[in-house]
N, C-alpha and C. Protein backbone atom coordinates (compact mmCIF):
# COMPACT_ATOMS: atom_id res chain seq x y z
N UNK A 1 12.75 6.32 -22.67
CA UNK A 1 12.63 7.71 -22.08
C UNK A 1 13.19 7.21 -20.64
N UNK A 2 13.92 8.17 -20.19
CA UNK A 2 14.50 8.17 -18.62
C UNK A 2 14.36 9.44 -18.09
N UNK A 3 14.16 9.14 -16.63
CA UNK A 3 14.10 10.34 -15.84
C UNK A 3 14.64 9.99 -14.63
N UNK A 4 15.48 11.32 -14.02
CA UNK A 4 16.04 11.40 -12.84
C UNK A 4 15.54 12.06 -11.91
N UNK A 5 15.47 11.75 -10.47
CA UNK A 5 14.97 12.76 -9.56
C UNK A 5 16.15 12.45 -8.38
N UNK A 6 15.81 13.04 -7.28
CA UNK A 6 16.84 13.17 -6.30
C UNK A 6 17.40 11.80 -5.89
N UNK A 7 16.35 11.03 -6.01
CA UNK A 7 16.60 9.70 -5.40
C UNK A 7 16.74 8.56 -6.20
N UNK A 8 15.89 8.83 -7.55
CA UNK A 8 15.67 7.80 -8.15
C UNK A 8 15.87 8.05 -9.70
N UNK A 9 15.85 6.50 -10.21
CA UNK A 9 16.25 6.60 -11.60
C UNK A 9 15.03 5.99 -12.45
N UNK A 10 14.32 6.79 -13.15
CA UNK A 10 13.06 6.00 -13.91
C UNK A 10 13.43 5.52 -15.32
N UNK A 11 13.40 4.27 -15.65
CA UNK A 11 14.27 3.93 -17.07
C UNK A 11 13.21 2.69 -17.35
N UNK A 12 13.56 2.16 -18.55
CA UNK A 12 12.82 1.04 -19.20
C UNK A 12 13.12 -0.18 -18.15
N UNK A 13 12.23 -1.38 -18.27
CA UNK A 13 12.57 -2.40 -17.67
C UNK A 13 13.41 -3.36 -18.68
N UNK A 14 14.42 -4.16 -18.23
CA UNK A 14 15.00 -4.92 -19.19
C UNK A 14 14.33 -6.48 -19.31
N UNK A 15 13.58 -6.66 -20.50
CA UNK A 15 13.23 -8.29 -20.46
C UNK A 15 14.25 -9.14 -20.55
N UNK A 16 15.41 -8.73 -21.18
CA UNK A 16 16.58 -9.60 -21.71
C UNK A 16 17.45 -9.99 -20.32
N UNK A 17 17.10 -8.94 -19.12
CA UNK A 17 17.94 -9.56 -17.91
C UNK A 17 17.15 -10.39 -16.99
N UNK A 18 17.67 -11.86 -16.91
CA UNK A 18 16.80 -12.48 -16.10
C UNK A 18 16.50 -12.23 -14.46
N UNK A 19 17.51 -11.04 -14.07
CA UNK A 19 17.43 -10.87 -12.81
C UNK A 19 16.34 -9.92 -12.67
N UNK A 20 16.10 -8.99 -13.65
CA UNK A 20 15.24 -8.00 -13.75
C UNK A 20 13.63 -8.76 -14.23
N UNK A 21 13.76 -9.79 -14.83
CA UNK A 21 12.42 -10.24 -14.80
C UNK A 21 11.90 -10.86 -13.67
N UNK A 22 12.96 -11.50 -12.85
CA UNK A 22 12.69 -11.96 -11.67
C UNK A 22 12.27 -10.98 -10.63
N UNK A 23 12.85 -9.72 -10.53
CA UNK A 23 12.14 -8.52 -9.81
C UNK A 23 10.86 -8.25 -9.90
N UNK A 24 10.71 -7.93 -11.40
CA UNK A 24 8.99 -7.62 -12.04
C UNK A 24 8.18 -8.91 -11.40
N UNK A 25 8.45 -10.25 -11.54
CA UNK A 25 7.49 -11.14 -11.14
C UNK A 25 7.33 -11.11 -9.76
N UNK A 26 8.36 -10.71 -8.83
CA UNK A 26 8.14 -10.42 -7.29
C UNK A 26 7.23 -9.73 -7.05
N UNK A 27 7.24 -8.63 -7.73
CA UNK A 27 6.33 -7.71 -7.61
C UNK A 27 4.93 -8.12 -8.04
N UNK A 28 4.72 -8.43 -8.90
CA UNK A 28 3.10 -8.58 -9.82
C UNK A 28 2.74 -10.03 -9.45
N UNK A 29 3.49 -11.15 -8.80
CA UNK A 29 3.18 -12.20 -8.54
C UNK A 29 2.03 -12.12 -6.78
N UNK A 30 2.47 -10.83 -6.19
CA UNK A 30 1.97 -10.55 -4.97
C UNK A 30 0.59 -10.43 -4.85
N UNK A 31 -0.32 -10.98 -4.00
CA UNK A 31 -1.82 -10.85 -4.15
C UNK A 31 -1.68 -9.10 -3.50
N UNK A 32 -1.03 -8.85 -2.53
CA UNK A 32 -1.14 -7.50 -2.02
C UNK A 32 -1.00 -6.47 -3.08
N UNK A 33 -0.19 -6.77 -4.29
CA UNK A 33 -0.12 -5.80 -5.45
C UNK A 33 -0.90 -6.09 -6.29
N UNK A 34 -1.34 -7.14 -6.85
CA UNK A 34 -2.11 -7.81 -7.75
C UNK A 34 -3.65 -7.29 -7.49
N UNK A 35 -4.23 -7.37 -6.43
CA UNK A 35 -5.31 -7.22 -6.09
C UNK A 35 -5.99 -5.76 -6.65
N UNK A 36 -4.76 -4.77 -6.75
CA UNK A 36 -5.55 -3.24 -7.05
C UNK A 36 -5.14 -3.14 -8.42
N UNK A 37 -4.93 -4.06 -9.38
CA UNK A 37 -4.31 -3.74 -10.93
C UNK A 37 -5.44 -4.51 -11.97
N UNK A 38 -5.91 -3.40 -12.77
CA UNK A 38 -6.59 -4.20 -13.72
C UNK A 38 -8.26 -4.32 -13.44
N UNK A 39 -8.80 -4.71 -14.43
CA UNK A 39 -10.28 -4.72 -14.30
C UNK A 39 -10.53 -6.10 -13.60
N UNK A 40 -9.60 -7.20 -13.88
CA UNK A 40 -9.82 -8.52 -13.26
C UNK A 40 -8.29 -8.88 -12.62
N UNK A 41 -8.37 -8.14 -11.22
CA UNK A 41 -7.20 -8.51 -10.77
C UNK A 41 -6.62 -9.77 -10.59
N UNK A 42 -5.38 -10.30 -10.80
CA UNK A 42 -4.81 -11.35 -10.63
C UNK A 42 -3.56 -11.46 -10.61
N UNK A 43 -2.69 -12.13 -9.81
CA UNK A 43 -1.13 -12.12 -9.89
C UNK A 43 -0.74 -12.89 -11.20
N UNK A 44 0.56 -12.18 -11.38
CA UNK A 44 1.32 -12.57 -12.92
C UNK A 44 1.54 -14.45 -12.47
N UNK A 45 1.24 -15.32 -13.54
CA UNK A 45 1.36 -16.43 -13.41
C UNK A 45 2.64 -16.89 -13.44
N UNK A 46 3.94 -16.35 -14.06
CA UNK A 46 4.98 -17.31 -14.36
C UNK A 46 6.43 -16.12 -14.83
N UNK A 47 7.57 -16.53 -14.69
CA UNK A 47 8.76 -15.61 -15.15
C UNK A 47 8.40 -15.39 -16.61
N UNK A 48 7.76 -16.71 -17.41
CA UNK A 48 7.88 -16.49 -19.01
C UNK A 48 6.96 -15.54 -19.12
N UNK A 49 5.59 -15.49 -18.51
CA UNK A 49 4.76 -14.12 -19.02
C UNK A 49 5.12 -13.03 -18.37
N UNK A 50 6.09 -12.90 -17.32
CA UNK A 50 6.58 -11.57 -16.99
C UNK A 50 7.54 -11.05 -18.15
N UNK A 51 8.10 -12.04 -18.52
CA UNK A 51 9.21 -11.47 -19.53
C UNK A 51 8.46 -11.05 -20.92
N UNK A 52 7.33 -11.74 -21.20
CA UNK A 52 6.54 -11.19 -22.34
C UNK A 52 5.80 -9.91 -21.99
N UNK A 53 5.28 -9.49 -20.84
CA UNK A 53 4.77 -8.59 -20.43
C UNK A 53 5.95 -7.40 -20.52
N UNK A 54 7.10 -7.50 -20.06
CA UNK A 54 8.08 -6.40 -20.04
C UNK A 54 8.25 -6.23 -21.44
N UNK A 55 8.42 -7.11 -22.30
CA UNK A 55 8.41 -6.99 -23.57
C UNK A 55 7.30 -5.85 -24.30
N UNK A 56 6.33 -6.26 -24.01
CA UNK A 56 5.35 -5.45 -24.66
C UNK A 56 5.52 -4.04 -24.03
N UNK A 57 5.75 -3.86 -22.95
CA UNK A 57 5.97 -2.75 -22.42
C UNK A 57 6.82 -1.68 -22.86
N UNK A 58 8.00 -2.45 -23.45
CA UNK A 58 9.03 -1.70 -24.09
C UNK A 58 8.81 -1.19 -25.47
N UNK A 59 7.77 -1.98 -26.07
CA UNK A 59 7.08 -1.64 -27.43
C UNK A 59 6.49 -0.33 -27.23
N UNK A 60 5.67 0.00 -26.20
CA UNK A 60 4.71 0.99 -26.02
C UNK A 60 5.87 2.31 -26.04
N UNK A 61 6.81 2.54 -25.35
CA UNK A 61 7.49 3.37 -25.46
C UNK A 61 8.24 3.67 -27.03
N UNK A 62 8.46 2.38 -27.65
CA UNK A 62 8.91 2.69 -29.04
C UNK A 62 7.98 3.22 -29.92
N UNK A 63 6.80 2.76 -29.53
CA UNK A 63 5.75 3.20 -30.66
C UNK A 63 5.06 4.45 -30.27
N UNK A 64 5.17 4.63 -29.14
CA UNK A 64 4.34 6.27 -28.90
C UNK A 64 5.63 6.72 -27.73
N UNK A 65 6.47 7.34 -28.37
CA UNK A 65 7.66 8.33 -27.37
C UNK A 65 7.05 9.08 -26.04
N UNK A 66 7.55 8.81 -25.04
CA UNK A 66 7.07 9.28 -23.79
C UNK A 66 5.95 9.07 -23.08
N UNK A 67 5.49 7.71 -23.75
CA UNK A 67 4.60 6.71 -22.96
C UNK A 67 5.23 5.76 -22.61
N UNK A 68 4.47 4.83 -21.68
CA UNK A 68 4.82 3.64 -21.19
C UNK A 68 4.69 3.18 -19.73
N UNK A 69 5.61 2.29 -19.23
CA UNK A 69 5.92 1.64 -18.11
C UNK A 69 7.24 1.41 -17.82
N UNK A 70 7.62 2.22 -17.01
CA UNK A 70 9.31 1.94 -16.61
C UNK A 70 9.57 1.67 -15.12
N UNK A 71 10.71 1.05 -14.98
CA UNK A 71 11.08 0.71 -13.48
C UNK A 71 11.70 1.85 -12.91
N UNK A 72 11.35 1.65 -11.53
CA UNK A 72 11.59 2.88 -10.54
C UNK A 72 12.93 2.05 -9.81
N UNK A 73 14.02 2.67 -10.06
CA UNK A 73 15.14 2.27 -9.32
C UNK A 73 15.99 3.17 -8.19
N UNK A 74 15.63 3.24 -7.03
CA UNK A 74 16.37 3.96 -6.21
C UNK A 74 17.70 4.09 -5.94
N UNK A 75 18.18 5.10 -5.99
CA UNK A 75 19.92 5.00 -5.81
C UNK A 75 20.47 3.97 -4.77
N UNK A 76 19.72 4.08 -3.77
CA UNK A 76 20.05 3.49 -2.59
C UNK A 76 19.98 2.14 -2.58
N UNK A 77 19.07 1.56 -3.65
CA UNK A 77 18.82 -0.08 -3.58
C UNK A 77 19.51 -0.56 -4.68
N UNK A 78 19.77 0.14 -5.92
CA UNK A 78 20.33 -0.08 -6.94
C UNK A 78 19.81 -1.27 -8.08
N UNK A 79 18.34 -1.55 -7.74
CA UNK A 79 17.70 -2.30 -8.64
C UNK A 79 16.17 -1.86 -8.49
N UNK A 80 15.32 -2.32 -9.60
CA UNK A 80 13.91 -1.71 -9.36
C UNK A 80 13.24 -2.24 -8.64
N UNK A 81 12.44 -1.34 -7.93
CA UNK A 81 11.48 -1.82 -6.86
C UNK A 81 9.94 -1.60 -7.18
N UNK A 82 9.75 -1.11 -8.20
CA UNK A 82 8.44 -0.79 -8.69
C UNK A 82 8.30 0.01 -10.10
N UNK A 83 7.04 0.06 -10.57
CA UNK A 83 6.81 0.76 -11.97
C UNK A 83 6.05 1.88 -11.90
N UNK A 84 6.43 2.95 -12.51
CA UNK A 84 5.45 3.87 -13.04
C UNK A 84 5.07 3.76 -14.66
N UNK A 85 3.94 4.35 -14.72
CA UNK A 85 3.21 4.11 -15.85
C UNK A 85 2.60 5.63 -16.21
N UNK A 86 2.57 5.68 -17.80
CA UNK A 86 1.90 6.70 -18.53
C UNK A 86 1.35 6.21 -19.72
N UNK A 87 -0.03 5.73 -19.97
CA UNK A 87 -0.60 5.21 -21.06
C UNK A 87 -1.76 5.77 -21.19
N UNK A 88 -2.40 5.26 -22.37
CA UNK A 88 -3.87 5.67 -22.59
C UNK A 88 -4.62 4.96 -22.05
N UNK A 89 -5.80 5.26 -21.51
CA UNK A 89 -6.58 4.55 -21.07
C UNK A 89 -7.62 3.85 -21.92
N UNK A 90 -8.27 2.57 -21.65
CA UNK A 90 -8.77 1.87 -22.81
C UNK A 90 -10.32 1.99 -22.11
N UNK A 91 -11.27 1.46 -23.01
CA UNK A 91 -12.62 1.16 -22.67
C UNK A 91 -12.43 -0.08 -22.23
N UNK A 92 -13.61 -0.63 -21.86
CA UNK A 92 -13.92 -2.17 -21.37
C UNK A 92 -13.51 -3.16 -22.53
N UNK A 93 -13.78 -2.81 -24.00
CA UNK A 93 -13.41 -3.94 -25.03
C UNK A 93 -11.94 -3.65 -25.29
N UNK A 94 -11.12 -2.84 -24.71
CA UNK A 94 -9.79 -2.89 -25.18
C UNK A 94 -9.38 -1.34 -26.05
N UNK A 95 -10.54 -0.96 -26.60
CA UNK A 95 -10.12 0.11 -27.35
C UNK A 95 -9.63 1.56 -26.82
N UNK A 96 -8.55 1.96 -27.15
CA UNK A 96 -7.63 2.94 -26.52
C UNK A 96 -8.39 4.44 -26.40
N UNK A 97 -8.71 5.07 -25.59
CA UNK A 97 -9.04 6.49 -25.71
C UNK A 97 -7.89 7.50 -25.86
N UNK A 98 -8.45 8.82 -25.94
CA UNK A 98 -7.57 9.62 -25.80
C UNK A 98 -7.19 10.23 -24.54
N UNK A 99 -7.71 9.57 -23.50
CA UNK A 99 -7.41 10.00 -21.88
C UNK A 99 -6.05 9.22 -21.40
N UNK A 100 -5.32 9.70 -20.87
CA UNK A 100 -4.06 9.32 -20.51
C UNK A 100 -3.96 9.20 -18.97
N UNK A 101 -3.60 7.94 -18.59
CA UNK A 101 -3.40 7.85 -17.42
C UNK A 101 -2.13 7.63 -16.66
N UNK A 102 -1.92 8.00 -15.43
CA UNK A 102 -0.64 7.95 -14.73
C UNK A 102 -0.84 6.92 -13.54
N UNK A 103 0.20 6.03 -13.35
CA UNK A 103 -0.04 4.92 -12.24
C UNK A 103 1.32 4.70 -11.73
N UNK A 104 1.35 3.73 -10.78
CA UNK A 104 2.54 3.11 -10.05
C UNK A 104 2.14 1.71 -9.29
N UNK A 105 3.09 0.90 -9.40
CA UNK A 105 2.94 -0.40 -8.67
C UNK A 105 4.17 -0.55 -8.01
N UNK A 106 4.32 -0.91 -7.02
CA UNK A 106 5.81 -0.91 -6.02
C UNK A 106 5.37 -2.30 -5.30
N UNK A 107 6.58 -2.69 -5.06
CA UNK A 107 6.90 -4.00 -4.33
C UNK A 107 6.71 -3.70 -2.82
N UNK A 108 6.00 -4.62 -2.02
CA UNK A 108 5.16 -4.24 -0.67
C UNK A 108 6.38 -3.57 0.26
N UNK A 109 7.84 -4.24 0.18
CA UNK A 109 8.91 -4.12 0.92
C UNK A 109 9.53 -2.45 0.63
N UNK A 110 8.78 -1.71 -0.33
CA UNK A 110 9.25 -0.39 -0.65
C UNK A 110 8.14 0.59 -0.76
N UNK A 111 7.07 -0.22 0.13
CA UNK A 111 5.71 1.00 0.34
C UNK A 111 6.22 1.79 1.40
N UNK A 112 5.66 3.09 1.40
CA UNK A 112 5.95 3.97 2.56
C UNK A 112 7.28 4.92 2.68
N UNK A 113 8.32 4.83 1.44
CA UNK A 113 9.47 5.62 1.18
C UNK A 113 9.33 6.68 0.51
N UNK A 114 8.07 6.82 -0.41
CA UNK A 114 8.00 8.17 -1.06
C UNK A 114 8.32 7.95 -2.20
N UNK A 115 8.85 6.65 -3.02
CA UNK A 115 9.30 6.74 -4.13
C UNK A 115 8.03 6.57 -5.25
N UNK A 116 6.58 6.48 -4.72
CA UNK A 116 5.61 6.46 -5.79
C UNK A 116 5.48 8.11 -5.92
N UNK A 117 5.50 8.69 -5.07
CA UNK A 117 5.29 10.05 -5.31
C UNK A 117 6.27 10.93 -5.83
N UNK A 118 7.48 10.42 -5.93
CA UNK A 118 8.61 10.95 -6.31
C UNK A 118 8.76 10.96 -7.82
N UNK A 119 8.49 9.53 -7.96
CA UNK A 119 8.60 8.97 -9.53
C UNK A 119 7.38 9.57 -10.41
N UNK A 120 6.25 9.43 -9.96
CA UNK A 120 5.26 10.24 -10.35
C UNK A 120 4.97 11.54 -10.47
N UNK A 121 5.63 12.25 -9.67
CA UNK A 121 5.48 13.51 -9.84
C UNK A 121 6.46 13.79 -10.93
N UNK A 122 7.95 13.43 -11.02
CA UNK A 122 8.69 13.60 -12.28
C UNK A 122 8.01 13.12 -13.50
N UNK A 123 7.17 11.83 -13.64
CA UNK A 123 6.38 11.53 -14.51
C UNK A 123 5.40 12.47 -14.94
N UNK A 124 4.66 13.00 -14.17
CA UNK A 124 3.46 14.12 -14.39
C UNK A 124 4.07 15.36 -15.04
N UNK A 125 5.34 15.71 -14.38
CA UNK A 125 6.06 17.13 -15.03
C UNK A 125 6.33 16.70 -16.47
N UNK A 126 6.70 15.35 -16.68
CA UNK A 126 6.94 15.30 -18.21
C UNK A 126 5.73 15.25 -19.01
N UNK A 127 4.56 14.51 -18.43
CA UNK A 127 3.32 14.57 -19.32
C UNK A 127 2.90 15.88 -19.45
N UNK A 128 2.84 17.00 -18.44
CA UNK A 128 2.06 18.15 -18.81
C UNK A 128 3.09 19.10 -19.43
N UNK A 129 4.44 18.94 -19.21
CA UNK A 129 5.28 19.94 -19.87
C UNK A 129 5.93 19.41 -21.22
N UNK A 130 6.81 18.24 -20.92
CA UNK A 130 7.21 17.79 -22.32
C UNK A 130 6.37 17.36 -23.22
N UNK A 131 5.25 16.51 -22.98
CA UNK A 131 4.22 16.02 -23.83
C UNK A 131 3.12 17.13 -24.18
N UNK A 132 3.29 17.82 -23.32
CA UNK A 132 2.17 19.11 -23.46
C UNK A 132 0.78 18.69 -22.97
N UNK A 133 0.52 17.52 -22.33
CA UNK A 133 -0.85 17.28 -22.22
C UNK A 133 -1.69 18.45 -21.30
N UNK A 134 -2.89 18.58 -21.52
CA UNK A 134 -3.71 19.41 -20.84
C UNK A 134 -4.43 18.69 -19.67
N UNK A 135 -4.08 17.23 -19.40
CA UNK A 135 -4.99 16.61 -18.44
C UNK A 135 -4.51 15.20 -18.32
N UNK A 136 -4.29 14.83 -17.02
CA UNK A 136 -3.74 13.41 -16.80
C UNK A 136 -4.82 13.14 -15.92
N UNK A 137 -5.09 11.84 -16.22
CA UNK A 137 -5.98 10.93 -15.07
C UNK A 137 -5.49 9.72 -14.40
N UNK A 138 -6.14 9.40 -13.25
CA UNK A 138 -5.49 8.37 -12.34
C UNK A 138 -6.89 7.46 -12.01
N UNK A 139 -6.58 6.22 -11.83
CA UNK A 139 -7.81 5.49 -11.45
C UNK A 139 -7.33 4.45 -10.42
N UNK A 140 -8.10 4.27 -9.27
CA UNK A 140 -7.82 3.19 -8.53
C UNK A 140 -9.21 2.78 -7.96
N UNK A 141 -9.00 1.34 -7.45
CA UNK A 141 -10.17 0.84 -6.78
C UNK A 141 -10.61 1.41 -5.36
N UNK A 142 -11.85 1.44 -5.11
CA UNK A 142 -12.23 2.05 -3.98
C UNK A 142 -11.53 1.45 -2.82
N UNK A 143 -11.04 1.70 -1.75
CA UNK A 143 -10.20 1.40 -0.67
C UNK A 143 -8.83 1.56 -0.91
N UNK A 144 -8.37 1.81 -2.04
CA UNK A 144 -6.87 1.85 -2.02
C UNK A 144 -6.36 3.30 -1.53
N UNK A 145 -6.19 3.35 -0.29
CA UNK A 145 -6.02 4.51 0.23
C UNK A 145 -4.58 4.94 0.05
N UNK A 146 -3.77 4.11 0.04
CA UNK A 146 -2.34 4.60 -0.29
C UNK A 146 -1.92 5.36 -1.50
N UNK A 147 -2.70 4.84 -2.46
CA UNK A 147 -2.87 5.49 -3.82
C UNK A 147 -3.52 6.91 -3.75
N UNK A 148 -4.64 6.87 -3.36
CA UNK A 148 -5.30 8.38 -3.06
C UNK A 148 -4.40 8.83 -2.51
N UNK A 149 -3.72 8.78 -1.38
CA UNK A 149 -2.71 9.56 -0.74
C UNK A 149 -1.59 10.21 -1.76
N UNK A 150 -1.09 9.23 -2.64
CA UNK A 150 -0.21 9.70 -3.54
C UNK A 150 -1.03 10.57 -4.69
N UNK A 151 -2.03 10.43 -5.00
CA UNK A 151 -2.74 11.19 -6.01
C UNK A 151 -3.08 12.81 -5.38
N UNK A 152 -3.19 12.88 -4.04
CA UNK A 152 -3.35 13.87 -3.00
C UNK A 152 -2.09 14.81 -3.46
N UNK A 153 -1.06 13.96 -3.02
CA UNK A 153 0.29 14.82 -2.95
C UNK A 153 0.81 15.09 -4.52
N UNK A 154 0.17 14.69 -5.27
CA UNK A 154 0.52 15.24 -6.67
C UNK A 154 -0.17 16.23 -7.19
N UNK A 155 -1.54 16.63 -6.33
CA UNK A 155 -2.22 17.79 -6.53
C UNK A 155 -3.50 17.38 -7.41
N UNK A 156 -3.60 16.10 -7.53
CA UNK A 156 -4.86 15.57 -8.52
C UNK A 156 -6.03 15.78 -7.58
N UNK A 157 -7.27 15.81 -8.23
CA UNK A 157 -8.56 16.26 -7.72
C UNK A 157 -9.21 14.79 -7.72
N UNK A 158 -10.01 14.55 -6.86
CA UNK A 158 -11.21 13.46 -7.06
C UNK A 158 -12.18 13.55 -7.80
N UNK A 159 -12.64 13.07 -8.70
CA UNK A 159 -13.75 13.28 -9.52
C UNK A 159 -15.06 12.40 -9.25
N UNK A 160 -14.70 11.29 -8.71
CA UNK A 160 -15.90 10.34 -8.10
C UNK A 160 -15.51 9.18 -8.69
N UNK A 161 -16.54 8.31 -8.71
CA UNK A 161 -16.43 6.93 -9.08
C UNK A 161 -16.86 6.95 -10.59
N UNK A 162 -16.40 5.90 -11.40
CA UNK A 162 -16.68 5.79 -12.84
C UNK A 162 -16.27 4.63 -13.22
N UNK A 163 -17.22 4.16 -14.35
CA UNK A 163 -17.03 2.99 -15.06
C UNK A 163 -16.52 3.12 -16.44
N UNK A 164 -16.06 4.48 -16.69
CA UNK A 164 -15.74 5.01 -18.11
C UNK A 164 -14.35 3.95 -18.75
N UNK A 165 -13.54 3.49 -17.76
CA UNK A 165 -12.37 2.82 -18.46
C UNK A 165 -12.65 1.30 -17.79
N UNK A 166 -11.65 0.53 -18.99
CA UNK A 166 -11.59 -0.93 -18.28
C UNK A 166 -12.49 -1.77 -18.17
N UNK A 167 -13.54 -1.04 -18.41
CA UNK A 167 -14.84 -1.97 -17.98
C UNK A 167 -15.30 -2.46 -16.66
N UNK A 168 -14.73 -1.68 -15.47
CA UNK A 168 -14.91 -1.92 -14.45
C UNK A 168 -15.25 -0.52 -13.57
N UNK A 169 -15.38 -0.23 -12.28
CA UNK A 169 -15.67 0.80 -11.68
C UNK A 169 -14.68 1.30 -10.60
N UNK A 170 -14.04 2.42 -10.98
CA UNK A 170 -12.91 2.91 -10.15
C UNK A 170 -13.14 4.23 -9.62
N UNK A 171 -12.35 4.98 -8.59
CA UNK A 171 -12.15 5.95 -8.07
C UNK A 171 -11.43 6.80 -9.22
N UNK A 172 -12.03 7.80 -9.68
CA UNK A 172 -11.17 8.63 -10.45
C UNK A 172 -10.63 9.99 -10.12
N UNK A 173 -9.45 10.31 -10.48
CA UNK A 173 -8.61 11.47 -10.08
C UNK A 173 -8.14 12.16 -11.38
N UNK A 174 -7.96 13.50 -11.42
CA UNK A 174 -7.29 13.94 -12.50
C UNK A 174 -6.52 15.22 -12.20
N UNK A 175 -5.94 15.79 -13.02
CA UNK A 175 -5.14 16.94 -12.67
C UNK A 175 -4.94 17.55 -14.14
N UNK A 176 -5.05 18.90 -13.98
CA UNK A 176 -4.73 19.78 -15.40
C UNK A 176 -3.38 20.55 -15.55
N UNK A 177 -3.29 20.93 -16.83
CA UNK A 177 -1.66 21.45 -16.57
C UNK A 177 -1.77 22.85 -15.84
N UNK A 178 -3.01 23.62 -15.89
CA UNK A 178 -2.96 24.94 -15.41
C UNK A 178 -3.03 25.08 -13.90
N UNK A 179 -3.11 23.86 -13.04
CA UNK A 179 -3.32 23.66 -11.63
C UNK A 179 -2.08 24.86 -11.09
N UNK A 180 -2.85 26.08 -10.68
CA UNK A 180 -1.74 27.12 -9.76
C UNK A 180 -0.65 27.55 -10.44
N UNK A 181 -0.48 27.20 -11.60
CA UNK A 181 0.43 27.55 -12.43
C UNK A 181 2.03 27.15 -11.90
N UNK A 182 1.87 26.17 -10.92
CA UNK A 182 3.34 25.87 -10.30
C UNK A 182 3.55 24.52 -11.05
N UNK A 183 4.90 24.13 -10.81
CA UNK A 183 5.03 22.77 -11.57
C UNK A 183 4.94 21.82 -10.71
N UNK A 184 4.67 20.49 -11.23
CA UNK A 184 4.07 19.40 -10.49
C UNK A 184 5.47 18.97 -9.53
N UNK A 185 6.49 19.15 -10.05
CA UNK A 185 7.56 18.63 -9.22
C UNK A 185 7.54 19.42 -7.72
N UNK A 186 7.01 20.84 -7.98
CA UNK A 186 7.20 21.71 -6.70
C UNK A 186 6.08 21.46 -5.71
N UNK A 187 5.19 20.64 -6.20
CA UNK A 187 4.29 20.18 -5.04
C UNK A 187 4.36 18.87 -4.65
N UNK A 188 5.29 17.98 -5.02
CA UNK A 188 5.46 16.64 -4.45
C UNK A 188 6.00 16.97 -3.00
């Protein structure tokens, strides 16, 4: 899957490109990024582990078209600066649920440019319109105010704290397809 916005190209990461693997590793090796990710946050350990993870991400889109984790490439930058995702949420034991999560992870040098909101709005439009999902969820650890701000800009509603997914407690946000009848892209 590929998406275009006014400033961004959302496309698959390329695990065969050493430069892209290095760019992904540079994002996910950083404590300031990793501390917000997953049930047991930790920086990615190596370039080899990064390549293997990018290969797994590519399989998600192949196995379940329209879902996955994709690179966000700003036109003015010319290389990936982050990731957006649309995946099924899992329980603490790894069992996938029918609930679908939208999320984003960006290199700190590219925070504050609106890339997360712009890319996620396009992905949310894809989820609610193209895939026909009735509802999309987002989760973030308490204190992740920048992510909460993106969720608000996307028109998502805070549902409270939950330990329903991933075996840890998150702040839970959601949006339904019938929010005001306007397109998600129009709200960004």
